[in-house]
C-alpha atoms as a PDB file:
ATOM      1  CA  UNK A   1     -12.628 -11.719 -14.318  1.00  0.00           C
ATOM      2  CA  UNK A   2      -9.920 -11.940 -11.677  1.00  0.00           C
ATOM      3  CA  UNK A   3     -10.700 -10.301  -8.318  1.00  0.00           C
ATOM      4  CA  UNK A   4      -8.460  -8.529  -5.831  1.00  0.00           C
ATOM      5  CA  UNK A   5      -8.964 -11.387  -3.376  1.00  0.00           C
ATOM      6  CA  UNK A   6      -7.509 -13.838  -5.915  1.00  0.00           C
ATOM      7  CA  UNK A   7      -4.313 -11.916  -6.657  1.00  0.00           C
ATOM      8  CA  UNK A   8      -3.586 -10.024  -3.414  1.00  0.00           C
ATOM      9  CA  UNK A   9      -0.894 -10.811  -0.915  1.00  0.00           C
ATOM     10  CA  UNK A  10      -3.023 -11.911   2.040  1.00  0.00           C
ATOM     11  CA  UNK A  11      -2.567 -11.135   5.718  1.00  0.00           C
ATOM     12  CA  UNK A  12      -0.943  -7.749   5.262  1.00  0.00           C
ATOM     13  CA  UNK A  13       1.081  -6.729   8.304  1.00  0.00           C
ATOM     14  CA  UNK A  14       0.284  -3.246   9.580  1.00  0.00           C
ATOM     15  CA  UNK A  15       2.489  -0.715  11.238  1.00  0.00           C
ATOM     16  CA  UNK A  16       0.714   1.006  14.107  1.00  0.00           C
ATOM     17  CA  UNK A  17      -0.011   4.706  13.755  1.00  0.00           C
ATOM     18  CA  UNK A  18       1.880   5.286  17.031  1.00  0.00           C
ATOM     19  CA  UNK A  19       4.912   3.193  15.994  1.00  0.00           C
ATOM     20  CA  UNK A  20       8.098   5.013  15.067  1.00  0.00           C
ATOM     21  CA  UNK A  21       9.399   5.303  11.541  1.00  0.00           C
ATOM     22  CA  UNK A  22      12.466   3.405  12.734  1.00  0.00           C
ATOM     23  CA  UNK A  23      10.184   0.520  13.774  1.00  0.00           C
ATOM     24  CA  UNK A  24       8.501   0.735  10.365  1.00  0.00           C
ATOM     25  CA  UNK A  25      11.846   0.527   8.569  1.00  0.00           C
ATOM     26  CA  UNK A  26      12.859  -2.487  10.655  1.00  0.00           C
ATOM     27  CA  UNK A  27       9.518  -4.195   9.979  1.00  0.00           C
ATOM     28  CA  UNK A  28       9.870  -3.569   6.239  1.00  0.00           C
ATOM     29  CA  UNK A  29      13.360  -5.048   6.351  1.00  0.00           C
ATOM     30  CA  UNK A  30      12.239  -8.108   8.325  1.00  0.00           C
ATOM     31  CA  UNK A  31       9.291  -8.729   5.990  1.00  0.00           C
ATOM     32  CA  UNK A  32      11.177  -7.898   2.797  1.00  0.00           C
ATOM     33  CA  UNK A  33       8.546  -5.364   1.689  1.00  0.00           C
ATOM     34  CA  UNK A  34       8.640  -1.766   0.496  1.00  0.00           C
ATOM     35  CA  UNK A  35       5.339  -0.634   1.973  1.00  0.00           C
ATOM     36  CA  UNK A  36       3.145  -1.212   5.015  1.00  0.00           C
ATOM     37  CA  UNK A  37      -0.445  -0.289   5.740  1.00  0.00           C
ATOM     38  CA  UNK A  38      -0.765   2.131   8.680  1.00  0.00           C
ATOM     39  CA  UNK A  39      -3.427   0.985  11.145  1.00  0.00           C
ATOM     40  CA  UNK A  40      -4.821   2.900  14.089  1.00  0.00           C
ATOM     41  CA  UNK A  41      -5.586   1.577  17.557  1.00  0.00           C
ATOM     42  CA  UNK A  42      -9.054   0.732  16.239  1.00  0.00           C
ATOM     43  CA  UNK A  43      -7.393  -1.540  13.621  1.00  0.00           C
ATOM     44  CA  UNK A  44      -8.818   0.680  10.873  1.00  0.00           C
ATOM     45  CA  UNK A  45      -6.630   1.567   7.928  1.00  0.00           C
ATOM     46  CA  UNK A  46      -5.161   5.076   8.190  1.00  0.00           C
ATOM     47  CA  UNK A  47      -2.891   5.066   5.133  1.00  0.00           C
ATOM     48  CA  UNK A  48       0.096   3.455   3.460  1.00  0.00           C
ATOM     49  CA  UNK A  49       3.735   4.002   4.318  1.00  0.00           C
ATOM     50  CA  UNK A  50       6.475   3.332   1.787  1.00  0.00           C
ATOM     51  CA  UNK A  51      10.215   2.989   2.076  1.00  0.00           C
ATOM     52  CA  UNK A  52      10.414   6.120  -0.070  1.00  0.00           C
ATOM     53  CA  UNK A  53       8.355   8.017   2.541  1.00  0.00           C
ATOM     54  CA  UNK A  54      10.949   7.078   5.156  1.00  0.00           C
ATOM     55  CA  UNK A  55      13.862   8.183   2.993  1.00  0.00           C
ATOM     56  CA  UNK A  56      12.393  11.394   1.581  1.00  0.00           C
ATOM     57  CA  UNK A  57      10.052  12.669   4.295  1.00  0.00           C
ATOM     58  CA  UNK A  58      12.064  11.600   7.320  1.00  0.00           C
ATOM     59  CA  UNK A  59      15.750  11.072   6.558  1.00  0.00           C
ATOM     60  CA  UNK A  60      15.918  13.565   3.681  1.00  0.00           C
ATOM     61  CA  UNK A  61      14.118  16.166   5.772  1.00  0.00           C
ATOM     62  CA  UNK A  62      16.590  15.696   8.643  1.00  0.00           C
ATOM     63  CA  UNK A  63      14.027  14.207  11.034  1.00  0.00           C
ATOM     64  CA  UNK A  64      14.768  11.515  13.599  1.00  0.00           C
ATOM     65  CA  UNK A  65      13.124   8.224  12.543  1.00  0.00           C
ATOM     66  CA  UNK A  66      13.060   7.111  16.187  1.00  0.00           C
ATOM     67  CA  UNK A  67      10.786  10.002  17.183  1.00  0.00           C
ATOM     68  CA  UNK A  68       8.540  10.380  14.097  1.00  0.00           C
ATOM     69  CA  UNK A  69       5.461   8.164  14.061  1.00  0.00           C
ATOM     70  CA  UNK A  70       3.932   6.362  11.108  1.00  0.00           C
ATOM     71  CA  UNK A  71       0.609   8.084  11.785  1.00  0.00           C
ATOM     72  CA  UNK A  72       2.190  11.472  11.076  1.00  0.00           C
ATOM     73  CA  UNK A  73       2.607  10.346   7.473  1.00  0.00           C
ATOM     74  CA  UNK A  74      -0.886   8.917   6.897  1.00  0.00           C
ATOM     75  CA  UNK A  75      -2.173  11.389   4.334  1.00  0.00           C
ATOM     76  CA  UNK A  76      -5.942  11.752   4.249  1.00  0.00           C
ATOM     77  CA  UNK A  77      -8.159   8.803   3.467  1.00  0.00           C
ATOM     78  CA  UNK A  78      -6.317   5.751   2.162  1.00  0.00           C
ATOM     79  CA  UNK A  79      -7.033   4.661  -1.398  1.00  0.00           C
ATOM     80  CA  UNK A  80      -8.333   1.086  -1.183  1.00  0.00           C
ATOM     81  CA  UNK A  81      -9.933  -1.613  -3.293  1.00  0.00           C
ATOM     82  CA  UNK A  82     -12.686  -4.021  -2.342  1.00  0.00           C
ATOM     83  CA  UNK A  83     -11.781  -7.699  -2.034  1.00  0.00           C
ATOM     84  CA  UNK A  84     -14.310  -8.648  -4.697  1.00  0.00           C
ATOM     85  CA  UNK A  85     -13.468  -5.825  -7.135  1.00  0.00           C
ATOM     86  CA  UNK A  86     -12.178  -7.037 -10.474  1.00  0.00           C
ATOM     87  CA  UNK A  87      -8.844  -6.404 -12.181  1.00  0.00           C
ATOM     88  CA  UNK A  88     -10.284  -3.625 -14.338  1.00  0.00           C
ATOM     89  CA  UNK A  89     -11.332  -1.712 -11.202  1.00  0.00           C
ATOM     90  CA  UNK A  90      -7.924  -2.323  -9.637  1.00  0.00           C
ATOM     91  CA  UNK A  91      -6.194  -0.922 -12.728  1.00  0.00           C
ATOM     92  CA  UNK A  92      -8.551   2.070 -12.888  1.00  0.00           C
ATOM     93  CA  UNK A  93      -7.992   2.889  -9.203  1.00  0.00           C
ATOM     94  CA  UNK A  94      -4.210   2.542  -9.438  1.00  0.00           C
ATOM     95  CA  UNK A  95      -4.074   4.721 -12.545  1.00  0.00           C
ATOM     96  CA  UNK A  96      -6.476   7.368 -11.214  1.00  0.00           C
ATOM     97  CA  UNK A  97      -4.622   7.760  -7.919  1.00  0.00           C
ATOM     98  CA  UNK A  98      -1.111   7.040  -9.273  1.00  0.00           C
ATOM     99  CA  UNK A  99      -0.452   4.338  -6.674  1.00  0.00           C
ATOM    100  CA  UNK A 100       1.408   1.066  -7.083  1.00  0.00           C
ATOM    101  CA  UNK A 101      -0.094  -0.695  -4.061  1.00  0.00           C
ATOM    102  CA  UNK A 102      -3.679  -0.900  -2.869  1.00  0.00           C
ATOM    103  CA  UNK A 103      -4.852  -2.157   0.502  1.00  0.00           C
ATOM    104  CA  UNK A 104      -7.640  -4.700  -0.010  1.00  0.00           C
ATOM    105  CA  UNK A 105     -10.659  -4.218   2.232  1.00  0.00           C
ATOM    106  CA  UNK A 106     -13.463  -6.660   3.003  1.00  0.00           C
ATOM    107  CA  UNK A 107     -16.073  -4.547   4.779  1.00  0.00           C
ATOM    108  CA  UNK A 108     -13.869  -2.524   7.144  1.00  0.00           C
ATOM    109  CA  UNK A 109     -11.252  -5.239   7.549  1.00  0.00           C
ATOM    110  CA  UNK A 110      -7.856  -5.114   5.855  1.00  0.00           C
ATOM    111  CA  UNK A 111      -7.399  -8.537   4.233  1.00  0.00           C
ATOM    112  CA  UNK A 112      -4.379  -7.981   1.986  1.00  0.00           C
ATOM    113  CA  UNK A 113      -2.518  -5.741  -0.427  1.00  0.00           C
ATOM    114  CA  UNK A 114      -2.529  -5.784  -4.229  1.00  0.00           C
ATOM    115  CA  UNK A 115       0.699  -4.533  -5.767  1.00  0.00           C
ATOM    116  CA  UNK A 116       1.320  -3.484  -9.344  1.00  0.00           C
ATOM    117  CA  UNK A 117       3.307  -6.703  -9.842  1.00  0.00           C
ATOM    118  CA  UNK A 118       0.336  -8.814  -8.655  1.00  0.00           C
ATOM    119  CA  UNK A 119      -1.879  -7.168 -11.257  1.00  0.00           C
ATOM    120  CA  UNK A 120       0.767  -7.537 -13.966  1.00  0.00           C
ATOM    121  CA  UNK A 121       1.075 -11.280 -13.328  1.00  0.00           C
ATOM    122  CA  UNK A 122      -2.675 -11.790 -13.669  1.00  0.00           C
ATOM    123  CA  UNK A 123      -3.389  -9.756 -16.821  1.00  0.00           C
ATOM    124  CA  UNK A 124      -2.737 -10.200 -20.527  1.00  0.00           C
ATOM    125  CA  UNK A 125       0.309  -8.296 -21.791  1.00  0.00           C
ATOM    126  CA  UNK A 126      -1.560  -5.380 -23.493  1.00  0.00           C
ATOM    127  CA  UNK A 127      -3.386  -4.516 -20.250  1.00  0.00           C
ATOM    128  CA  UNK A 128      -0.148  -4.685 -18.265  1.00  0.00           C
ATOM    129  CA  UNK A 129       1.361  -2.140 -20.654  1.00  0.00           C
ATOM    130  CA  UNK A 130      -1.629   0.155 -20.175  1.00  0.00           C
ATOM    131  CA  UNK A 131      -1.265  -0.016 -16.390  1.00  0.00           C
ATOM    132  CA  UNK A 132       2.472   0.682 -16.484  1.00  0.00           C
ATOM    133  CA  UNK A 133       1.930   3.614 -18.829  1.00  0.00           C
ATOM    134  CA  UNK A 134      -0.815   5.075 -16.620  1.00  0.00           C
ATOM    135  CA  UNK A 135       1.327   4.849 -13.489  1.00  0.00           C
ATOM    136  CA  UNK A 136       4.431   6.237 -15.190  1.00  0.00           C
ATOM    137  CA  UNK A 137       2.847   9.332 -16.728  1.00  0.00           C
END
């Protein structure tokens, strides 16, 4: 069975917990991505930040993206997947936590990110439909 390591986007770029939301938005734009892992000074994963977080929780709430930090929006423990976990575990974790992106961890090291699209490309059509249904409900 396909593992997270085989389908992930490797070398995920983090946004620092102390970096501003404006810096995060610029980094997302430069990288052409809609989400970034939030890493602390210890290089440990603190959470995930999405472009939607920036729009809804910062701009929509009338906050200044230059003064809000990414770490303020790291909510609890990040949902992750192990690098050697298989596609079934990836699908189960995404569906259970209603997330479309999972940071991939090898030990305590962030090694990549698996997105819903990565999983969809690697699975037979019926399983892709199940994943999309689980995330949409």
